[in-house]
Amino acid sequence: MPESTVPVQESVGGEPTGRPVGHDGTRVEVAERPAWSVGAGGTALGVVLALLVLAVGVLGAVSDDAPVMVWLLGLGLLIALAVLTGISVISPGETLVVQLFGRYLGTVRRTGLVMTVPLSTKRRVSVRVRNFETSELKVNDADGNPINIAAIVVWQVADTARASFAVEDYDDFVSVQAESALRHVAMSHPYDGGDDVESLRGATELVSGEIATEVAARVAVAGVEVVEARISNLAYAPEIAQAMLQRQQAGAIIAARSRIVEGAVSMVEDALNRLESEGVVTLDDERRATMVSNLLVVLCGESRATPVVNAGSLYQ
C-alpha cells in the first residue's frame, strides 16, 4: 500500500463516533529512507553508455544495408532519455525526495552530480537550519494581565519524508504551531513575580526551554526538529503598561525603604552599644528612646537633617 496519513477516530461497536483522539492518535505511516542513487562517476558512465548506444543507432540508421540499427537508434534514444531524467545536481544542505508514479522511493542526501531512479519525480527539500520570528501575540499571563509577546524559533527538517507527505505545508505548519505553543506557555506563567516565582521576565532561560519543548512536541509529526527558541519581545499591553509601571516603581520603593530601615537600625544599635561600652555617656530609657528616634529620623529621612541645639535640660 502507498504511504498515507490517515486521521484516527474513536469507534464504538465498529462505528466511528466522530471524536478525534488528539495528538497521541496522529498516525503517519511514512518515514525517511535512502533512495537508490549513484555519484558523479556512475552518472558519467551512464551518460557515456547512453551516448554510445545512441551513436551506434545513428550510424546504423544512415546505412541502407543495416535496418537493425534503426532499432538501436530508438533504443539509444530511450536509454539516453531515461538516464537524463534521473540526473540531478544537489547542493549542500539540500536533499532530493524521489517518487515513482506517486510512490515514495526514498531520499537522496548525497551532494553533487547524482543519478537516481529514471522517470521518477523529484522534490527538493532543504535541511538547512532556519529561523523565524513569530508575530507579536497579545495574551493574558497567569495573573490575567494582558501582555505582548513574540519569540524566535530555530528549526531544521530532520525527516524529509514526513515533511513532504505528513503535512500540507511544513513551513506554514511550523509557523502556526510555534505561535500556538508560545501562547500556551505565556498563559502558564506570570509576567513578573518574586524570586520564588517562575515568571516570564525573571526566568527567561526556563521559559525559553519550555517554549522549545512545546514547539518540538507539536511539530514532530512533520519531521521537524527545534534547535532552540528565545523570547524576542515581552511587554505589558499598552492599556495597562502605565499602571504596571507604577506598581513596579512602588515595589522598588518599598524594597529600598526596607533596606534603608534595616541598615539604620543596625547603625543605631552599634552607636548605642559603643557609647555605653566605652563609658562616653550613660542613658536612661527615655534618653535612649530620644536618641534612637533622632538617629532614625536622620538616617531614614529623604531631606537633609537640620540639627537643633538644646541648651537646657532634656526634661524642661
C-alpha atoms as a PDB file:
ATOM      1  CA  MET A   1       0.000   0.000   0.000  1.00  0.00           C
ATOM      2  CA  PRO A   2       1.222   3.515  -0.602  1.00  0.00           C
ATOM      3  CA  GLU A   3       2.120   5.525   2.453  1.00  0.00           C
ATOM      4  CA  SER A   4      -0.635   7.744   3.762  1.00  0.00           C
ATOM      5  CA  THR A   5      -1.558   9.969   6.636  1.00  0.00           C
ATOM      6  CA  VAL A   6      -4.964   8.984   7.953  1.00  0.00           C
ATOM      7  CA  PRO A   7      -6.537  10.652  10.999  1.00  0.00           C
ATOM      8  CA  VAL A   8      -7.620   8.085  13.559  1.00  0.00           C
ATOM      9  CA  GLN A   9     -11.049   8.320  15.167  1.00  0.00           C
ATOM     10  CA  GLU A  10     -12.531   6.575  18.140  1.00  0.00           C
ATOM     11  CA  SER A  11     -15.196   3.982  17.459  1.00  0.00           C
ATOM     12  CA  VAL A  12     -17.861   2.206  19.451  1.00  0.00           C
ATOM     13  CA  GLY A  13     -19.037  -1.161  18.156  1.00  0.00           C
ATOM     14  CA  GLY A  14     -17.186  -0.646  14.893  1.00  0.00           C
ATOM     15  CA  GLU A  15     -18.949   2.651  14.191  1.00  0.00           C
ATOM     16  CA  PRO A  16     -16.890   5.859  14.284  1.00  0.00           C
ATOM     17  CA  THR A  17     -18.001   8.368  16.887  1.00  0.00           C
ATOM     18  CA  GLY A  18     -16.532  11.352  15.052  1.00  0.00           C
ATOM     19  CA  ARG A  19     -14.364  12.312  18.016  1.00  0.00           C
ATOM     20  CA  PRO A  20     -10.679  12.772  17.131  1.00  0.00           C
ATOM     21  CA  VAL A  21      -8.280  11.142  19.548  1.00  0.00           C
ATOM     22  CA  GLY A  22      -5.959  14.118  19.585  1.00  0.00           C
ATOM     23  CA  HIS A  23      -2.198  14.427  19.148  1.00  0.00           C
ATOM     24  CA  ASP A  24      -1.439  10.951  20.537  1.00  0.00           C
ATOM     25  CA  GLY A  25      -3.607   9.371  17.860  1.00  0.00           C
ATOM     26  CA  THR A  26      -1.943  11.055  14.894  1.00  0.00           C
ATOM     27  CA  ARG A  27      -0.777   8.297  12.541  1.00  0.00           C
ATOM     28  CA  VAL A  28       1.843   8.954   9.899  1.00  0.00           C
ATOM     29  CA  GLU A  29       2.764   5.799   8.005  1.00  0.00           C
ATOM     30  CA  VAL A  30       5.819   7.226   6.282  1.00  0.00           C
ATOM     31  CA  ALA A  31       9.427   7.677   7.344  1.00  0.00           C
ATOM     32  CA  GLU A  32      12.570   8.717   5.537  1.00  0.00           C
ATOM     33  CA  ARG A  33      14.712   6.029   3.925  1.00  0.00           C
ATOM     34  CA  PRO A  34      17.604   6.223   1.456  1.00  0.00           C
ATOM     35  CA  ALA A  35      16.814   6.076  -2.254  1.00  0.00           C
ATOM     36  CA  TRP A  36      18.945   4.319  -4.848  1.00  0.00           C
ATOM     37  CA  SER A  37      21.495   6.689  -6.356  1.00  0.00           C
ATOM     38  CA  VAL A  38      24.977   6.821  -7.807  1.00  0.00           C
ATOM     39  CA  GLY A  39      27.514   9.597  -7.597  1.00  0.00           C
ATOM     40  CA  ALA A  40      29.225  11.637 -10.251  1.00  0.00           C
ATOM     41  CA  GLY A  41      31.333   8.705 -11.530  1.00  0.00           C
ATOM     42  CA  GLY A  42      28.400   6.373 -12.068  1.00  0.00           C
ATOM     43  CA  THR A  43      26.357   9.183 -13.593  1.00  0.00           C
ATOM     44  CA  ALA A  44      29.097   9.998 -16.090  1.00  0.00           C
ATOM     45  CA  LEU A  45      29.442   6.312 -17.014  1.00  0.00           C
ATOM     46  CA  GLY A  46      25.701   6.012 -17.599  1.00  0.00           C
ATOM     47  CA  VAL A  47      25.686   9.083 -19.823  1.00  0.00           C
ATOM     48  CA  VAL A  48      28.640   7.768 -21.846  1.00  0.00           C
ATOM     49  CA  LEU A  49      26.965   4.376 -22.377  1.00  0.00           C
ATOM     50  CA  ALA A  50      23.718   6.019 -23.434  1.00  0.00           C
ATOM     51  CA  LEU A  51      25.563   8.236 -25.896  1.00  0.00           C
ATOM     52  CA  LEU A  52      27.452   5.251 -27.333  1.00  0.00           C
ATOM     53  CA  VAL A  53      24.222   3.318 -27.936  1.00  0.00           C
ATOM     54  CA  LEU A  54      22.700   6.424 -29.487  1.00  0.00           C
ATOM     55  CA  ALA A  55      25.742   6.948 -31.730  1.00  0.00           C
ATOM     56  CA  VAL A  56      25.655   3.318 -32.930  1.00  0.00           C
ATOM     57  CA  GLY A  57      21.965   3.685 -33.705  1.00  0.00           C
ATOM     58  CA  VAL A  58      22.561   6.881 -35.678  1.00  0.00           C
ATOM     59  CA  LEU A  59      25.357   5.295 -37.723  1.00  0.00           C
ATOM     60  CA  GLY A  60      23.198   2.265 -38.426  1.00  0.00           C
ATOM     61  CA  ALA A  61      20.217   4.385 -39.438  1.00  0.00           C
ATOM     62  CA  VAL A  62      22.154   6.083 -42.229  1.00  0.00           C
ATOM     63  CA  SER A  63      23.238   2.711 -43.625  1.00  0.00           C
ATOM     64  CA  ASP A  64      20.825   1.122 -46.123  1.00  0.00           C
ATOM     65  CA  ASP A  65      22.041  -2.428 -45.531  1.00  0.00           C
ATOM     66  CA  ALA A  66      21.596  -2.370 -41.734  1.00  0.00           C
ATOM     67  CA  PRO A  67      17.909  -1.898 -40.866  1.00  0.00           C
ATOM     68  CA  VAL A  68      18.517  -3.427 -37.421  1.00  0.00           C
ATOM     69  CA  MET A  69      20.433  -0.330 -36.496  1.00  0.00           C
ATOM     70  CA  VAL A  70      17.220   1.660 -36.649  1.00  0.00           C
ATOM     71  CA  TRP A  71      16.083  -0.275 -33.613  1.00  0.00           C
ATOM     72  CA  LEU A  72      19.362   0.570 -31.941  1.00  0.00           C
ATOM     73  CA  LEU A  73      18.668   4.231 -32.626  1.00  0.00           C
ATOM     74  CA  GLY A  74      15.310   4.019 -30.877  1.00  0.00           C
ATOM     75  CA  LEU A  75      16.817   2.040 -28.023  1.00  0.00           C
ATOM     76  CA  GLY A  76      19.595   4.591 -27.662  1.00  0.00           C
ATOM     77  CA  LEU A  77      17.094   7.431 -27.550  1.00  0.00           C
ATOM     78  CA  LEU A  78      15.086   5.663 -24.841  1.00  0.00           C
ATOM     79  CA  ILE A  79      18.172   4.888 -22.754  1.00  0.00           C
ATOM     80  CA  ALA A  80      19.514   8.427 -23.089  1.00  0.00           C
ATOM     81  CA  LEU A  81      16.141   9.900 -22.175  1.00  0.00           C
ATOM     82  CA  ALA A  82      15.820   7.604 -19.140  1.00  0.00           C
ATOM     83  CA  VAL A  83      19.328   8.431 -17.958  1.00  0.00           C
ATOM     84  CA  LEU A  84      18.785  12.153 -18.361  1.00  0.00           C
ATOM     85  CA  THR A  85      15.531  12.070 -16.377  1.00  0.00           C
ATOM     86  CA  GLY A  86      17.385  10.520 -13.438  1.00  0.00           C
ATOM     87  CA  ILE A  87      20.218  13.060 -13.306  1.00  0.00           C
ATOM     88  CA  SER A  88      20.129  15.887 -10.761  1.00  0.00           C
ATOM     89  CA  VAL A  89      22.525  18.281  -9.091  1.00  0.00           C
ATOM     90  CA  ILE A  90      22.155  18.521  -5.304  1.00  0.00           C
ATOM     91  CA  SER A  91      23.705  21.408  -3.399  1.00  0.00           C
ATOM     92  CA  PRO A  92      24.993  21.120   0.189  1.00  0.00           C
ATOM     93  CA  GLY A  93      22.131  21.489   2.637  1.00  0.00           C
ATOM     94  CA  GLU A  94      19.578  20.070   0.190  1.00  0.00           C
ATOM     95  CA  THR A  95      18.015  16.651  -0.281  1.00  0.00           C
ATOM     96  CA  LEU A  96      16.053  15.021  -3.071  1.00  0.00           C
ATOM     97  CA  VAL A  97      12.776  13.247  -2.272  1.00  0.00           C
ATOM     98  CA  VAL A  98      12.209  10.652  -5.016  1.00  0.00           C
ATOM     99  CA  GLN A  99       8.802   9.343  -6.119  1.00  0.00           C
ATOM    100  CA  LEU A 100       7.916   6.894  -8.872  1.00  0.00           C
ATOM    101  CA  PHE A 101       4.314   7.045 -10.083  1.00  0.00           C
ATOM    102  CA  GLY A 102       3.258   8.558  -6.751  1.00  0.00           C
ATOM    103  CA  ARG A 103       5.071   6.030  -4.548  1.00  0.00           C
ATOM    104  CA  TYR A 104       7.769   7.290  -2.197  1.00  0.00           C
ATOM    105  CA  LEU A 105      11.052   5.549  -3.056  1.00  0.00           C
ATOM    106  CA  GLY A 106      13.414   7.329  -0.703  1.00  0.00           C
ATOM    107  CA  THR A 107      15.547  10.391  -0.151  1.00  0.00           C
ATOM    108  CA  VAL A 108      18.928  11.178  -1.692  1.00  0.00           C
ATOM    109  CA  ARG A 109      21.201  13.055   0.727  1.00  0.00           C
ATOM    110  CA  ARG A 110      24.499  12.926  -1.210  1.00  0.00           C
ATOM    111  CA  THR A 111      25.570  16.156  -2.902  1.00  0.00           C
ATOM    112  CA  GLY A 112      26.926  16.965  -6.333  1.00  0.00           C
ATOM    113  CA  LEU A 113      26.035  15.275  -9.618  1.00  0.00           C
ATOM    114  CA  VAL A 114      23.701  12.373  -8.813  1.00  0.00           C
ATOM    115  CA  MET A 115      21.737   9.856 -10.846  1.00  0.00           C
ATOM    116  CA  THR A 116      18.736   8.191  -9.267  1.00  0.00           C
ATOM    117  CA  VAL A 117      15.790   6.135 -10.491  1.00  0.00           C
ATOM    118  CA  PRO A 118      14.930   7.130 -14.102  1.00  0.00           C
ATOM    119  CA  LEU A 119      11.481   8.512 -14.943  1.00  0.00           C
ATOM    120  CA  SER A 120      10.932   9.447 -11.295  1.00  0.00           C
ATOM    121  CA  THR A 121       9.663  12.742  -9.947  1.00  0.00           C
ATOM    122  CA  LYS A 122      11.924  14.561  -7.531  1.00  0.00           C
ATOM    123  CA  ARG A 123      11.261  17.233  -4.940  1.00  0.00           C
ATOM    124  CA  ARG A 124      13.975  19.292  -3.302  1.00  0.00           C
ATOM    125  CA  VAL A 125      13.716  19.659   0.479  1.00  0.00           C
ATOM    126  CA  SER A 126      16.161  21.898   2.329  1.00  0.00           C
ATOM    127  CA  VAL A 127      17.661  20.578   5.561  1.00  0.00           C
ATOM    128  CA  ARG A 128      19.427  23.835   6.401  1.00  0.00           C
ATOM    129  CA  VAL A 129      18.843  25.411   9.798  1.00  0.00           C
ATOM    130  CA  ARG A 130      16.135  28.066   9.578  1.00  0.00           C
ATOM    131  CA  ASN A 131      14.732  30.627  11.961  1.00  0.00           C
ATOM    132  CA  PHE A 132      11.719  32.859  12.031  1.00  0.00           C
ATOM    133  CA  GLU A 133      10.124  35.293  14.445  1.00  0.00           C
ATOM    134  CA  THR A 134       6.530  34.778  15.417  1.00  0.00           C
ATOM    135  CA  SER A 135       4.114  37.635  15.138  1.00  0.00           C
ATOM    136  CA  GLU A 136       3.580  39.673  18.291  1.00  0.00           C
ATOM    137  CA  LEU A 137       0.834  37.918  20.232  1.00  0.00           C
ATOM    138  CA  LYS A 138      -1.451  39.529  22.789  1.00  0.00           C
ATOM    139  CA  VAL A 139      -2.257  37.025  25.542  1.00  0.00           C
ATOM    140  CA  ASN A 140      -3.161  37.002  29.230  1.00  0.00           C
ATOM    141  CA  ASP A 141      -0.464  35.773  31.597  1.00  0.00           C
ATOM    142  CA  ALA A 142      -1.134  33.518  34.589  1.00  0.00           C
ATOM    143  CA  ASP A 143      -2.335  36.538  36.616  1.00  0.00           C
ATOM    144  CA  GLY A 144      -4.752  37.619  33.894  1.00  0.00           C
ATOM    145  CA  ASN A 145      -2.714  40.647  32.804  1.00  0.00           C
ATOM    146  CA  PRO A 146      -2.643  41.282  29.030  1.00  0.00           C
ATOM    147  CA  ILE A 147       0.885  41.138  27.615  1.00  0.00           C
ATOM    148  CA  ASN A 148       2.512  41.298  24.193  1.00  0.00           C
ATOM    149  CA  ILE A 149       4.987  38.518  23.475  1.00  0.00           C
ATOM    150  CA  ALA A 150       6.944  37.196  20.486  1.00  0.00           C
ATOM    151  CA  ALA A 151       9.633  34.535  20.078  1.00  0.00           C
ATOM    152  CA  ILE A 152      12.334  33.435  17.645  1.00  0.00           C
ATOM    153  CA  VAL A 153      12.290  29.719  16.775  1.00  0.00           C
ATOM    154  CA  VAL A 154      15.295  27.978  15.196  1.00  0.00           C
ATOM    155  CA  TRP A 155      14.385  24.719  13.455  1.00  0.00           C
ATOM    156  CA  GLN A 156      15.515  22.175  10.886  1.00  0.00           C
ATOM    157  CA  VAL A 157      13.923  19.456   8.772  1.00  0.00           C
ATOM    158  CA  ALA A 158      15.060  16.078  10.129  1.00  0.00           C
ATOM    159  CA  ASP A 159      12.746  13.651   8.308  1.00  0.00           C
ATOM    160  CA  THR A 160      12.245  14.735   4.703  1.00  0.00           C
ATOM    161  CA  ALA A 161       9.549  12.131   4.062  1.00  0.00           C
ATOM    162  CA  ARG A 162       7.309  13.376   6.858  1.00  0.00           C
ATOM    163  CA  ALA A 163       7.965  16.976   5.928  1.00  0.00           C
ATOM    164  CA  SER A 164       6.843  16.213   2.365  1.00  0.00           C
ATOM    165  CA  PHE A 165       3.886  13.897   2.940  1.00  0.00           C
ATOM    166  CA  ALA A 166       2.689  14.126   6.566  1.00  0.00           C
ATOM    167  CA  VAL A 167       1.558  17.766   6.393  1.00  0.00           C
ATOM    168  CA  GLU A 168       0.298  20.015   3.628  1.00  0.00           C
ATOM    169  CA  ASP A 169       2.941  22.724   4.030  1.00  0.00           C
ATOM    170  CA  TYR A 170       5.583  22.204   6.709  1.00  0.00           C
ATOM    171  CA  ASP A 171       6.699  25.851   6.671  1.00  0.00           C
ATOM    172  CA  ASP A 172       3.209  27.078   7.466  1.00  0.00           C
ATOM    173  CA  PHE A 173       2.677  24.185   9.883  1.00  0.00           C
ATOM    174  CA  VAL A 174       5.753  25.110  11.939  1.00  0.00           C
ATOM    175  CA  SER A 175       4.742  28.783  11.984  1.00  0.00           C
ATOM    176  CA  VAL A 176       1.224  28.130  13.244  1.00  0.00           C
ATOM    177  CA  GLN A 177       2.259  25.524  15.815  1.00  0.00           C
ATOM    178  CA  ALA A 178       5.042  27.762  17.158  1.00  0.00           C
ATOM    179  CA  GLU A 179       2.575  30.592  17.810  1.00  0.00           C
ATOM    180  CA  SER A 180       0.179  28.162  19.471  1.00  0.00           C
ATOM    181  CA  ALA A 181       2.928  26.814  21.749  1.00  0.00           C
ATOM    182  CA  LEU A 182       4.119  30.319  22.617  1.00  0.00           C
ATOM    183  CA  ARG A 183       0.587  31.340  23.578  1.00  0.00           C
ATOM    184  CA  HIS A 184       0.199  28.254  25.798  1.00  0.00           C
ATOM    185  CA  VAL A 185       3.493  28.810  27.637  1.00  0.00           C
ATOM    186  CA  ALA A 186       2.852  32.547  28.108  1.00  0.00           C
ATOM    187  CA  MET A 187      -0.531  31.841  29.709  1.00  0.00           C
ATOM    188  CA  SER A 188       1.023  29.461  32.261  1.00  0.00           C
ATOM    189  CA  HIS A 189       3.467  31.987  33.792  1.00  0.00           C
ATOM    190  CA  PRO A 190       3.022  35.435  35.331  1.00  0.00           C
ATOM    191  CA  TYR A 191       4.756  38.342  33.638  1.00  0.00           C
ATOM    192  CA  ASP A 192       6.606  39.330  36.784  1.00  0.00           C
ATOM    193  CA  GLY A 193       6.940  37.811  40.250  1.00  0.00           C
ATOM    194  CA  GLY A 194       9.196  37.280  43.237  1.00  0.00           C
ATOM    195  CA  ASP A 195      12.376  35.271  43.472  1.00  0.00           C
ATOM    196  CA  ASP A 196      10.463  32.024  44.049  1.00  0.00           C
ATOM    197  CA  VAL A 197       8.083  32.507  41.098  1.00  0.00           C
ATOM    198  CA  GLU A 198       8.962  31.309  37.579  1.00  0.00           C
ATOM    199  CA  SER A 199       7.953  34.455  35.717  1.00  0.00           C
ATOM    200  CA  LEU A 200       8.317  35.325  32.064  1.00  0.00           C
ATOM    201  CA  ARG A 201      10.641  38.206  32.847  1.00  0.00           C
ATOM    202  CA  GLY A 202      12.633  36.591  35.651  1.00  0.00           C
ATOM    203  CA  ALA A 203      13.063  33.005  34.430  1.00  0.00           C
ATOM    204  CA  THR A 204      13.899  33.676  30.793  1.00  0.00           C
ATOM    205  CA  GLU A 205      16.061  30.587  30.290  1.00  0.00           C
ATOM    206  CA  LEU A 206      13.461  28.288  31.812  1.00  0.00           C
ATOM    207  CA  VAL A 207      10.621  29.791  29.784  1.00  0.00           C
ATOM    208  CA  SER A 208      12.666  29.589  26.577  1.00  0.00           C
ATOM    209  CA  GLY A 209      13.295  25.901  27.257  1.00  0.00           C
ATOM    210  CA  GLU A 210       9.583  25.310  27.797  1.00  0.00           C
ATOM    211  CA  ILE A 211       8.769  27.057  24.517  1.00  0.00           C
ATOM    212  CA  ALA A 212      11.324  24.949  22.618  1.00  0.00           C
ATOM    213  CA  THR A 213       9.992  21.722  24.162  1.00  0.00           C
ATOM    214  CA  GLU A 214       6.379  22.664  23.455  1.00  0.00           C
ATOM    215  CA  VAL A 215       7.085  23.580  19.821  1.00  0.00           C
ATOM    216  CA  ALA A 216       9.177  20.419  19.272  1.00  0.00           C
ATOM    217  CA  ALA A 217       6.344  18.211  20.520  1.00  0.00           C
ATOM    218  CA  ARG A 218       3.832  19.875  18.206  1.00  0.00           C
ATOM    219  CA  VAL A 219       5.934  19.768  15.010  1.00  0.00           C
ATOM    220  CA  ALA A 220       7.365  16.254  15.436  1.00  0.00           C
ATOM    221  CA  VAL A 221       4.614  14.876  13.191  1.00  0.00           C
ATOM    222  CA  ALA A 222       6.052  16.979  10.348  1.00  0.00           C
ATOM    223  CA  GLY A 223       9.577  15.555  10.755  1.00  0.00           C
ATOM    224  CA  VAL A 224      10.922  18.842  12.118  1.00  0.00           C
ATOM    225  CA  GLU A 225      13.375  19.302  14.980  1.00  0.00           C
ATOM    226  CA  VAL A 226      13.606  22.503  17.025  1.00  0.00           C
ATOM    227  CA  VAL A 227      17.143  23.711  17.752  1.00  0.00           C
ATOM    228  CA  GLU A 228      16.169  26.462  20.211  1.00  0.00           C
ATOM    229  CA  ALA A 229      13.554  29.086  20.962  1.00  0.00           C
ATOM    230  CA  ARG A 230      14.041  32.507  22.525  1.00  0.00           C
ATOM    231  CA  ILE A 231      11.686  35.283  23.594  1.00  0.00           C
ATOM    232  CA  SER A 232      12.331  38.275  21.347  1.00  0.00           C
ATOM    233  CA  ASN A 233       9.736  40.700  22.687  1.00  0.00           C
ATOM    234  CA  LEU A 234       7.986  40.880  26.056  1.00  0.00           C
ATOM    235  CA  ALA A 235       5.975  43.803  27.404  1.00  0.00           C
ATOM    236  CA  TYR A 236       2.726  44.672  29.081  1.00  0.00           C
ATOM    237  CA  ALA A 237      -0.116  45.604  26.757  1.00  0.00           C
ATOM    238  CA  PRO A 238      -0.351  49.400  26.227  1.00  0.00           C
ATOM    239  CA  GLU A 239      -3.646  49.719  28.115  1.00  0.00           C
ATOM    240  CA  ILE A 240      -2.110  48.554  31.407  1.00  0.00           C
ATOM    241  CA  ALA A 241       1.538  49.449  30.870  1.00  0.00           C
ATOM    242  CA  GLN A 242       1.347  52.679  32.901  1.00  0.00           C
ATOM    243  CA  ALA A 243      -0.411  51.014  35.847  1.00  0.00           C
ATOM    244  CA  MET A 244       2.065  48.126  35.848  1.00  0.00           C
ATOM    245  CA  LEU A 245       4.958  50.602  35.752  1.00  0.00           C
ATOM    246  CA  GLN A 246       3.589  52.357  38.826  1.00  0.00           C
ATOM    247  CA  ARG A 247       3.259  49.014  40.596  1.00  0.00           C
ATOM    248  CA  GLN A 248       6.841  48.134  39.771  1.00  0.00           C
ATOM    249  CA  GLN A 249       8.011  51.535  40.986  1.00  0.00           C
ATOM    250  CA  ALA A 250       6.069  51.099  44.227  1.00  0.00           C
ATOM    251  CA  GLY A 251       7.636  47.686  44.750  1.00  0.00           C
ATOM    252  CA  ALA A 252      11.096  49.112  44.157  1.00  0.00           C
ATOM    253  CA  ILE A 253      10.476  51.957  46.617  1.00  0.00           C
ATOM    254  CA  ILE A 254       9.230  49.549  49.280  1.00  0.00           C
ATOM    255  CA  ALA A 255      12.259  47.309  48.809  1.00  0.00           C
ATOM    256  CA  ALA A 256      14.616  50.291  49.025  1.00  0.00           C
ATOM    257  CA  ARG A 257      12.925  51.647  52.158  1.00  0.00           C
ATOM    258  CA  SER A 258      13.098  48.251  53.814  1.00  0.00           C
ATOM    259  CA  ARG A 259      16.830  48.089  53.105  1.00  0.00           C
ATOM    260  CA  ILE A 260      17.359  51.614  54.432  1.00  0.00           C
ATOM    261  CA  VAL A 261      15.455  50.921  57.664  1.00  0.00           C
ATOM    262  CA  GLU A 262      17.345  47.688  58.179  1.00  0.00           C
ATOM    263  CA  GLY A 263      20.657  49.470  57.806  1.00  0.00           C
ATOM    264  CA  ALA A 264      19.583  52.392  60.007  1.00  0.00           C
ATOM    265  CA  VAL A 265      18.518  50.105  62.862  1.00  0.00           C
ATOM    266  CA  SER A 266      21.842  48.294  62.670  1.00  0.00           C
ATOM    267  CA  MET A 267      23.768  51.614  62.774  1.00  0.00           C
ATOM    268  CA  VAL A 268      21.750  52.927  65.742  1.00  0.00           C
ATOM    269  CA  GLU A 269      22.300  49.712  67.661  1.00  0.00           C
ATOM    270  CA  ASP A 270      26.038  49.836  67.047  1.00  0.00           C
ATOM    271  CA  ALA A 271      26.176  53.514  68.090  1.00  0.00           C
ATOM    272  CA  LEU A 272      24.371  52.927  71.402  1.00  0.00           C
ATOM    273  CA  ASN A 273      26.455  49.883  72.236  1.00  0.00           C
ATOM    274  CA  ARG A 274      29.711  51.762  71.656  1.00  0.00           C
ATOM    275  CA  LEU A 275      28.607  54.769  73.686  1.00  0.00           C
ATOM    276  CA  GLU A 276      27.714  52.586  76.640  1.00  0.00           C
ATOM    277  CA  SER A 277      30.658  50.191  76.364  1.00  0.00           C
ATOM    278  CA  GLU A 278      33.232  52.994  76.203  1.00  0.00           C
ATOM    279  CA  GLY A 279      31.537  54.935  79.024  1.00  0.00           C
ATOM    280  CA  VAL A 280      31.004  58.029  76.934  1.00  0.00           C
ATOM    281  CA  VAL A 281      27.528  58.648  78.309  1.00  0.00           C
ATOM    282  CA  THR A 282      25.024  56.886  80.496  1.00  0.00           C
ATOM    283  CA  LEU A 283      21.497  56.902  79.096  1.00  0.00           C
ATOM    284  CA  ASP A 284      18.272  56.063  80.815  1.00  0.00           C
ATOM    285  CA  ASP A 285      15.351  54.604  78.900  1.00  0.00           C
ATOM    286  CA  GLU A 286      13.851  57.985  77.988  1.00  0.00           C
ATOM    287  CA  ARG A 287      17.103  59.430  76.692  1.00  0.00           C
ATOM    288  CA  ARG A 288      17.859  56.223  74.859  1.00  0.00           C
ATOM    289  CA  ALA A 289      14.445  56.384  73.128  1.00  0.00           C
ATOM    290  CA  THR A 290      15.030  60.027  72.207  1.00  0.00           C
ATOM    291  CA  MET A 291      18.428  59.285  70.702  1.00  0.00           C
ATOM    292  CA  VAL A 292      17.076  56.319  68.762  1.00  0.00           C
ATOM    293  CA  SER A 293      14.265  58.477  67.388  1.00  0.00           C
ATOM    294  CA  ASN A 294      16.623  61.275  66.351  1.00  0.00           C
ATOM    295  CA  LEU A 295      19.113  58.905  64.700  1.00  0.00           C
ATOM    296  CA  LEU A 296      16.383  57.083  62.772  1.00  0.00           C
ATOM    297  CA  VAL A 297      14.957  60.382  61.508  1.00  0.00           C
ATOM    298  CA  VAL A 298      18.406  61.472  60.330  1.00  0.00           C
ATOM    299  CA  LEU A 299      19.301  58.140  58.714  1.00  0.00           C
ATOM    300  CA  CYS A 300      15.930  57.353  57.100  1.00  0.00           C
ATOM    301  CA  GLY A 301      14.828  60.839  56.069  1.00  0.00           C
ATOM    302  CA  GLU A 302      14.991  61.858  52.411  1.00  0.00           C
ATOM    303  CA  SER A 303      15.783  65.514  53.092  1.00  0.00           C
ATOM    304  CA  ARG A 304      18.895  66.822  54.805  1.00  0.00           C
ATOM    305  CA  ALA A 305      18.557  66.951  58.600  1.00  0.00           C
ATOM    306  CA  THR A 306      18.833  70.354  60.398  1.00  0.00           C
ATOM    307  CA  PRO A 307      20.247  69.996  63.933  1.00  0.00           C
ATOM    308  CA  VAL A 308      18.672  71.836  66.862  1.00  0.00           C
ATOM    309  CA  VAL A 309      20.969  72.632  69.799  1.00  0.00           C
ATOM    310  CA  ASN A 310      19.293  72.191  73.181  1.00  0.00           C
ATOM    311  CA  ALA A 311      20.996  74.445  75.766  1.00  0.00           C
ATOM    312  CA  GLY A 312      18.762  73.345  78.607  1.00  0.00           C
ATOM    313  CA  SER A 313      17.770  70.044  80.094  1.00  0.00           C
ATOM    314  CA  LEU A 314      16.019  67.275  78.281  1.00  0.00           C
ATOM    315  CA  TYR A 315      13.260  67.322  80.920  1.00  0.00           C
ATOM    316  CA  GLN A 316      12.481  71.034  80.553  1.00  0.00           C
END
